Every structure is written in C-alpha cells, then in structure tokens.
Amino acid sequence: MLPQHHVVAVDLGGTDIKAALVAHNGSVIRRVRRATRRERGPEAVLDRVAQTTQALAADAVEAFGIPPLAVGVAVPGIVAEGAGRAVYSANLGWRNLPLRDLLAQRVGLPVVLGHDVRAGAVAEGRLGAARGRGEFLFVALGTGIAAAHVRDGLAHGGSGGGAGELGHLTVRRGGPACGCGNRGCLETLASASAVARRYTRAARRTEAGTATAPASAEAVSRLAAAGDPLARRIWQDAVEALAEGLAAYTVLCDPGLVVLGGGLARSGAALLGPVRAALAGRLRFHSIPNLVAAELGAEAGCRGAALLALDTLSATLPPSPP
C-alpha cells in the first residue's frame, strides 16, 4: 500500500457516530463525532452515515489530493459481514439492511462491513490491551453488553453473525425485563446503562420524589466506594451478574484473558477487583482468566473499522513498487 493511501472508518453506535480518516499505517488523521439522529427513523441514520463519510472523504481530497480508497463501518447488533448486511440493529431500527451496498452506492467507495464489538476486539488485540495474545475474550460494557472471542487475530461471528451476544445470557431468573423480550439478561444488571438507570430510579424513590439528577455508572462506582448503601447494593448486583456470565463463558471456552471495555470498565480497579473475586468463588476447578481493562476506550470500534478496511486493501491492492 502506498504511503498516501488512507481510509474512512465509521463506528456506528445507538446515539453517536464516531468516524475518522485513517492513514495506511493506522494512524488517525482526523476524528469527528456526530449524532445518529435515530429519532428521525432508520433511513435518517443511513443518511447521516453517508454524510459523515462524504465529509471525511472531501477532507482527504482537500488535504492529500486523492480520495480514500475504502470505508470500514462497524455496526451494532447482528451483522452478517460476508453478506454486507445489518441483520438486526435494534437501537437503529435496521432489519436485514444491505448496508454495505447501499452505503457504497451513496459515497462511491468500496465499503467493508463489520460488527462493532468484533472490530473493537481486533483493535484491542493488535493495538491495545491484548497485544501479543493469540486468544482472548473482549467484553464491551456499554449501553448493552456484547462480546467477541478472538483467536489468531480473528474475531469469530458464528454461523449466522450472532455470536457474542453475552448480554442476553440469562443470569437472574425473573429479573428485570430486557428489550429482547426475556427477563434477567446480563445487560439488564451489568451494563453501564443498567447500573446508572437502576441507581437513579431507586434514589428517586427513596428521596420521595425529589429531583435527583441521573447518575452515570462511573458516579455509582464512586458512590459505592465512598460507602453509599444504595450504590453499593446496585454495584454489587452488577459485579455478581457479570461474574455469572464470565464464569459460564470460561467453563465453555476458556479464553485465558478477558479484556473489559465500554463505559463500565472505566471504573478500573473498582470493577476488576470485585469481579475477579466473584469469579474465584464460582470457578472451583477451572483456571480463572486474567481480567484487564481495555486500552483503546471509545476509539476501539473506530480503530477496528479502519483495520477492516486496511486489511481488505492490503489483500486486494498490488504490492507497492520497490
């Protein structure tokens, strides 16, 4: 790949689009962040992705005189990478959308489609907390919970692209209702949004209707560490639920290393220490995986989307002249 080659990378979340112009060596040239405008409907989200991509492509032409060679897009939900389809992205209202082809038509560039968490996992494996590890599990603890198992540099999507939906493992029978239609799913207790939501609701009830401001998961973590009884109860619920999910996965797949990312993982030792202890109490005969915090933070999905595009170009472009 020639030194001036670059790609556009897009990490599409439920609320925000994180996008970047990325050089051939993986360095980020420019970052942008836009609202998805999902409240306007599924078509508006697609329009927003196309507009963001076109804007970065125009920046590339202005700065380097040539357009990007490809676009890498990381999407949440169930993604059939090979077919280029967003099979089920609930937060975006997409069902069986041929995203790769639709976006390629709109922006006039080749598009590579990937799953956001699997893309983030690959990025952590090459650039972040799992560098040098042949096998590990990456778990994103954000609005929901999803995971990706990486082996030999590849994140495996399963037979239909639905592998890694760890957030919908039932860990509490009869627990809180989940958007998937089940009850007691892991993400209803241990996602960053669940921790924040449960604390805020409980605090408002106990304060007799006073206007308690919504709390973030990080704030709940700090309150728990400071001894707030309500925060400690909700934080411990999250720790126990997460340990249940990770213990089940470890018994089945033995990843050896678990990289925790997403908003909840920003709590660092306040999360890692208690989860390690809870895992030790559940894995009586099995080796306990090493738990570490992700290093790339909110950039993981976008950096992974760039790697998808760059890898595709490396496989298709002729070698650079000597």
Protein backbone atom coordinates (compact mmCIF):
# COMPACT_ATOMS: atom_id res chain seq x y z
CA MET A 1 0.00 0.00 0.00
CA LEU A 2 1.39 3.39 -0.96
CA PRO A 3 2.13 5.89 1.84
CA GLN A 4 -0.59 8.32 0.75
CA HIS A 5 -3.35 5.73 0.89
CA HIS A 6 -5.97 6.27 3.56
CA VAL A 7 -9.44 5.06 4.54
CA VAL A 8 -12.53 6.32 6.31
CA ALA A 9 -13.52 4.45 9.46
CA VAL A 10 -17.02 4.63 10.98
CA ASP A 11 -18.14 3.25 14.34
CA LEU A 12 -21.92 3.46 14.46
CA GLY A 13 -23.47 3.49 17.92
CA GLY A 14 -27.03 3.87 19.07
CA THR A 15 -26.56 7.56 19.87
CA ASP A 16 -23.36 8.72 18.17
CA ILE A 17 -21.33 8.13 15.03
CA LYS A 18 -17.60 8.11 15.70
CA ALA A 19 -15.67 8.43 12.45
CA ALA A 20 -12.10 9.07 11.38
CA LEU A 21 -9.78 9.50 8.46
CA VAL A 22 -7.02 6.91 8.95
CA ALA A 23 -3.66 6.62 7.20
CA HIS A 24 -2.22 3.45 5.64
CA ASN A 25 -0.17 2.79 8.80
CA GLY A 26 -3.21 3.01 11.09
CA SER A 27 -2.54 6.50 12.44
CA VAL A 28 -5.60 8.71 12.84
CA ILE A 29 -5.51 11.88 10.74
CA ARG A 30 -8.84 13.39 11.73
CA ARG A 31 -11.69 12.44 14.07
CA VAL A 32 -15.33 13.54 14.00
CA ARG A 33 -18.34 12.72 16.12
CA ARG A 34 -21.94 13.18 15.01
CA ALA A 35 -25.36 12.33 16.40
CA THR A 36 -27.03 9.40 14.62
CA ARG A 37 -30.43 11.18 14.58
CA ARG A 38 -32.06 7.81 15.10
CA GLU A 39 -35.17 9.55 16.43
CA ARG A 40 -35.91 10.50 12.80
CA GLY A 41 -36.05 6.87 11.69
CA PRO A 42 -33.81 4.18 10.13
CA GLU A 43 -33.41 5.99 6.80
CA ALA A 44 -32.17 9.12 8.57
CA VAL A 45 -29.42 7.09 10.26
CA LEU A 46 -28.24 5.79 6.90
CA ASP A 47 -28.26 9.34 5.52
CA ARG A 48 -26.21 10.53 8.48
CA VAL A 49 -23.59 7.81 8.00
CA ALA A 50 -23.32 8.67 4.30
CA GLN A 51 -22.99 12.40 5.01
CA THR A 52 -20.30 11.81 7.63
CA THR A 53 -18.37 9.55 5.27
CA GLN A 54 -18.63 12.01 2.39
CA ALA A 55 -17.42 14.87 4.56
CA LEU A 56 -14.29 12.95 5.60
CA ALA A 57 -13.68 11.87 2.01
CA ALA A 58 -13.84 15.52 0.95
CA ASP A 59 -11.35 16.42 3.69
CA ALA A 60 -9.00 13.77 2.33
CA VAL A 61 -9.17 15.19 -1.18
CA GLU A 62 -8.51 18.69 0.12
CA ALA A 63 -5.57 17.59 2.29
CA PHE A 64 -3.93 14.95 0.08
CA GLY A 65 -5.34 15.45 -3.38
CA ILE A 66 -6.78 11.93 -3.54
CA PRO A 67 -9.92 10.34 -2.06
CA PRO A 68 -9.87 7.49 0.45
CA LEU A 69 -9.59 4.03 -1.05
CA ALA A 70 -12.26 2.39 1.12
CA VAL A 71 -14.64 2.77 4.04
CA GLY A 72 -14.76 0.48 7.07
CA VAL A 73 -18.03 0.51 9.01
CA ALA A 74 -18.62 -1.15 12.39
CA VAL A 75 -22.28 -1.69 13.28
CA PRO A 76 -24.00 -2.96 16.46
CA GLY A 77 -26.39 -5.89 16.66
CA ILE A 78 -26.30 -8.98 14.48
CA VAL A 79 -24.12 -8.43 11.43
CA ALA A 80 -23.50 -10.78 8.51
CA GLU A 81 -20.11 -9.42 7.49
CA GLY A 82 -19.67 -11.58 4.42
CA ALA A 83 -23.07 -10.64 3.02
CA GLY A 84 -22.66 -6.98 3.96
CA ARG A 85 -25.96 -6.91 5.84
CA ALA A 86 -27.03 -5.38 9.14
CA VAL A 87 -29.30 -8.26 10.09
CA TYR A 88 -30.67 -6.83 13.34
CA SER A 89 -29.65 -3.49 14.84
CA ALA A 90 -32.44 -2.76 17.31
CA ASN A 91 -31.20 0.65 18.50
CA LEU A 92 -31.03 1.89 14.90
CA GLY A 93 -34.27 0.34 13.64
CA TRP A 94 -32.45 -1.70 10.99
CA ARG A 95 -33.65 -5.15 9.93
CA ASN A 96 -31.82 -7.12 7.24
CA LEU A 97 -30.43 -3.94 5.70
CA PRO A 98 -27.91 -4.36 2.81
CA LEU A 99 -25.79 -1.64 4.37
CA ARG A 100 -22.55 -2.33 2.52
CA ASP A 101 -24.12 -1.93 -0.92
CA LEU A 102 -26.38 0.98 0.00
CA LEU A 103 -23.54 2.97 1.51
CA ALA A 104 -21.17 2.15 -1.36
CA GLN A 105 -23.75 3.49 -3.82
CA ARG A 106 -24.14 6.72 -1.88
CA VAL A 107 -20.47 7.51 -1.29
CA GLY A 108 -18.91 5.98 -4.40
CA LEU A 109 -16.29 3.99 -2.47
CA PRO A 110 -15.84 0.31 -1.57
CA VAL A 111 -17.32 -0.46 1.84
CA VAL A 112 -16.27 -3.17 4.30
CA LEU A 113 -18.86 -4.01 6.96
CA GLY A 114 -18.08 -5.38 10.40
CA HIS A 115 -19.60 -5.88 13.83
CA ASP A 116 -18.72 -3.09 16.25
CA VAL A 117 -17.60 -5.28 19.14
CA ARG A 118 -15.72 -7.74 16.95
CA ALA A 119 -13.96 -4.82 15.27
CA GLY A 120 -13.11 -3.35 18.66
CA ALA A 121 -11.79 -6.71 19.81
CA VAL A 122 -9.46 -6.98 16.83
CA ALA A 123 -8.20 -3.46 17.55
CA GLU A 124 -7.51 -4.32 21.20
CA GLY A 125 -5.67 -7.42 20.01
CA ARG A 126 -3.39 -5.52 17.65
CA LEU A 127 -3.11 -2.11 19.25
CA GLY A 128 -4.40 -2.37 22.81
CA ALA A 129 -4.63 -4.47 25.96
CA ALA A 130 -4.36 -7.88 24.27
CA ARG A 131 -1.27 -7.23 22.13
CA GLY A 132 0.69 -10.43 21.69
CA ARG A 133 -2.13 -12.71 22.87
CA GLY A 134 -3.32 -15.38 20.47
CA GLU A 135 -6.67 -15.86 22.21
CA PHE A 136 -8.86 -13.69 24.42
CA LEU A 137 -12.42 -12.54 25.08
CA PHE A 138 -13.32 -8.88 24.66
CA VAL A 139 -16.43 -7.70 26.51
CA ALA A 140 -17.97 -4.27 25.86
CA LEU A 141 -19.95 -2.99 28.86
CA GLY A 142 -21.81 -0.01 27.47
CA THR A 143 -25.46 0.70 26.70
CA GLY A 144 -25.75 -3.06 26.32
CA ILE A 145 -23.26 -5.90 26.67
CA ALA A 146 -21.66 -7.80 23.83
CA ALA A 147 -18.52 -9.87 23.47
CA ALA A 148 -16.11 -11.16 20.86
CA HIS A 149 -13.81 -14.16 21.08
CA VAL A 150 -10.55 -13.56 19.24
CA ARG A 151 -8.33 -16.42 18.14
CA ASP A 152 -5.25 -15.99 15.97
CA GLY A 153 -6.19 -12.38 15.24
CA LEU A 154 -9.72 -13.13 14.07
CA ALA A 155 -12.96 -12.41 15.92
CA HIS A 156 -15.46 -15.17 15.26
CA GLY A 157 -19.04 -14.29 14.41
CA GLY A 158 -20.59 -17.76 14.48
CA SER A 159 -22.67 -19.44 11.80
CA GLY A 160 -25.05 -16.51 11.31
CA GLY A 161 -23.22 -13.49 12.71
CA GLY A 162 -24.91 -13.68 16.11
CA ALA A 163 -22.01 -14.95 18.23
CA GLY A 164 -21.03 -12.89 21.26
CA GLU A 165 -24.42 -11.70 22.49
CA LEU A 166 -23.28 -12.29 26.06
CA GLY A 167 -25.60 -9.55 27.28
CA HIS A 168 -28.58 -11.77 26.57
CA LEU A 169 -27.40 -14.67 28.67
CA THR A 170 -29.94 -15.15 31.47
CA VAL A 171 -28.19 -14.67 34.81
CA ARG A 172 -31.17 -13.81 37.03
CA ARG A 173 -34.37 -15.82 36.62
CA GLY A 174 -37.35 -13.49 36.83
CA GLY A 175 -35.02 -10.47 36.81
CA PRO A 176 -35.57 -7.13 35.07
CA ALA A 177 -37.26 -7.13 31.67
CA CYS A 178 -34.91 -6.88 28.71
CA GLY A 179 -35.55 -5.31 25.33
CA CYS A 180 -35.02 -8.71 23.72
CA GLY A 181 -38.22 -9.98 25.38
CA ASN A 182 -36.53 -12.08 28.03
CA ARG A 183 -36.02 -11.32 31.73
CA GLY A 184 -32.88 -11.29 33.81
CA CYS A 185 -30.43 -10.89 30.91
CA LEU A 186 -26.91 -9.92 31.90
CA GLU A 187 -27.18 -6.46 30.35
CA THR A 188 -30.25 -5.60 32.46
CA LEU A 189 -27.98 -5.74 35.53
CA ALA A 190 -24.37 -5.19 34.49
CA SER A 191 -24.33 -2.80 31.55
CA ALA A 192 -23.28 0.79 32.19
CA SER A 193 -26.76 2.00 31.28
CA ALA A 194 -28.42 -0.52 33.62
CA VAL A 195 -26.25 0.48 36.59
CA ALA A 196 -26.97 4.17 36.01
CA ARG A 197 -30.69 3.62 35.41
CA ARG A 198 -31.23 1.35 38.42
CA TYR A 199 -29.43 3.70 40.79
CA THR A 200 -31.23 6.80 39.54
CA ARG A 201 -34.67 5.18 39.79
CA ALA A 202 -34.03 3.77 43.25
CA ALA A 203 -32.61 7.08 44.50
CA ARG A 204 -35.67 8.97 43.29
CA ARG A 205 -37.97 6.51 45.06
CA THR A 206 -36.11 6.74 48.34
CA GLU A 207 -35.97 10.54 48.22
CA ALA A 208 -39.75 10.87 48.00
CA GLY A 209 -39.90 12.36 44.53
CA THR A 210 -37.12 14.93 44.80
CA ALA A 211 -35.43 15.80 41.51
CA THR A 212 -32.36 13.55 41.69
CA ALA A 213 -30.16 14.10 38.64
CA PRO A 214 -29.44 10.99 36.53
CA ALA A 215 -26.25 9.27 37.70
CA SER A 216 -23.63 7.75 35.42
CA ALA A 217 -22.21 4.28 36.02
CA GLU A 218 -18.89 5.89 36.97
CA ALA A 219 -20.67 8.06 39.52
CA VAL A 220 -22.37 4.98 41.01
CA SER A 221 -18.95 3.32 41.25
CA ARG A 222 -17.55 6.31 43.14
CA LEU A 223 -20.56 6.46 45.44
CA ALA A 224 -20.22 2.74 46.17
CA ALA A 225 -16.55 3.19 47.04
CA ALA A 226 -17.50 6.06 49.35
CA GLY A 227 -19.92 3.82 51.22
CA ASP A 228 -23.32 4.87 49.79
CA PRO A 229 -25.51 1.85 50.69
CA LEU A 230 -27.77 2.06 47.64
CA ALA A 231 -24.84 2.44 45.27
CA ARG A 232 -23.02 -0.46 46.93
CA ARG A 233 -26.03 -2.75 46.51
CA ILE A 234 -26.52 -1.92 42.83
CA TRP A 235 -22.79 -2.08 42.09
CA GLN A 236 -22.53 -5.48 43.79
CA ASP A 237 -25.53 -6.71 41.78
CA ALA A 238 -23.68 -5.73 38.62
CA VAL A 239 -20.46 -7.42 39.77
CA GLU A 240 -22.25 -10.68 40.66
CA ALA A 241 -24.19 -10.74 37.40
CA LEU A 242 -21.06 -10.09 35.34
CA ALA A 243 -19.20 -12.81 37.19
CA GLU A 244 -22.04 -15.24 36.43
CA GLY A 245 -21.79 -14.50 32.73
CA LEU A 246 -18.00 -14.67 32.60
CA ALA A 247 -17.90 -17.88 34.63
CA ALA A 248 -20.31 -19.57 32.22
CA TYR A 249 -18.24 -18.43 29.25
CA THR A 250 -14.97 -19.51 30.85
CA VAL A 251 -16.23 -23.03 31.55
CA LEU A 252 -17.30 -23.37 27.91
CA CYS A 253 -14.48 -21.60 26.05
CA ASP A 254 -11.54 -20.99 28.43
CA PRO A 255 -10.34 -17.70 26.89
CA GLY A 256 -7.45 -17.23 29.33
CA LEU A 257 -7.70 -13.44 29.10
CA VAL A 258 -10.77 -11.22 29.37
CA VAL A 259 -10.50 -7.59 28.24
CA LEU A 260 -13.27 -5.43 29.69
CA GLY A 261 -14.16 -2.31 27.70
CA GLY A 262 -17.01 0.16 27.45
CA GLY A 263 -18.31 2.73 29.89
CA LEU A 264 -18.46 0.46 32.94
CA ALA A 265 -14.82 -0.61 32.53
CA ARG A 266 -13.69 2.97 33.05
CA SER A 267 -14.20 2.29 36.76
CA GLY A 268 -10.95 0.32 36.63
CA ALA A 269 -9.95 -1.44 39.85
CA ALA A 270 -13.37 -0.77 41.39
CA LEU A 271 -14.76 -3.22 38.83
CA LEU A 272 -11.85 -5.55 38.08
CA GLY A 273 -11.03 -6.43 41.68
CA PRO A 274 -14.55 -7.40 42.77
CA VAL A 275 -15.24 -9.30 39.54
CA ARG A 276 -12.01 -11.29 39.95
CA ALA A 277 -13.04 -12.20 43.50
CA ALA A 278 -16.57 -13.16 42.40
CA LEU A 279 -15.14 -15.32 39.60
CA ALA A 280 -12.84 -17.09 42.03
CA GLY A 281 -15.88 -18.05 44.07
CA ARG A 282 -17.55 -19.62 41.05
CA LEU A 283 -14.72 -21.35 39.20
CA ARG A 284 -13.81 -24.03 41.71
CA PHE A 285 -11.93 -26.38 39.38
CA HIS A 286 -11.27 -24.17 36.39
CA SER A 287 -8.40 -21.70 35.92
CA ILE A 288 -9.56 -18.11 36.41
CA PRO A 289 -8.99 -15.91 33.36
CA ASN A 290 -6.86 -12.83 33.71
CA LEU A 291 -9.03 -9.70 33.72
CA VAL A 292 -7.69 -6.43 32.31
CA ALA A 293 -9.20 -3.11 31.27
CA ALA A 294 -9.29 -2.21 27.58
CA GLU A 295 -6.74 0.41 26.47
CA LEU A 296 -8.39 1.96 23.41
CA GLY A 297 -11.54 3.13 25.16
CA ALA A 298 -14.20 4.70 22.96
CA GLU A 299 -11.85 4.55 19.96
CA ALA A 300 -11.76 0.74 19.78
CA GLY A 301 -14.66 0.32 17.35
CA CYS A 302 -13.47 3.06 15.02
CA ARG A 303 -9.87 1.81 15.03
CA GLY A 304 -11.17 -1.67 14.33
CA ALA A 305 -13.29 -0.42 11.42
CA ALA A 306 -10.15 1.15 9.96
CA LEU A 307 -8.28 -2.14 10.31
CA LEU A 308 -11.08 -3.92 8.43
CA ALA A 309 -10.73 -1.54 5.51
CA LEU A 310 -6.93 -1.53 5.55
CA ASP A 311 -6.78 -5.33 5.71
CA THR A 312 -9.11 -5.58 2.72
CA LEU A 313 -6.98 -3.14 0.75
CA SER A 314 -3.78 -4.99 1.63
CA ALA A 315 -5.33 -8.19 0.30
CA THR A 316 -6.55 -6.66 -2.98
CA LEU A 317 -4.08 -3.94 -3.97
CA PRO A 318 -0.95 -4.84 -5.98
CA PRO A 319 2.31 -4.58 -3.99
CA SER A 320 3.98 -1.20 -3.85
CA PRO A 321 6.92 -0.76 -6.27
CA PRO A 322 10.39 -1.06 -4.69
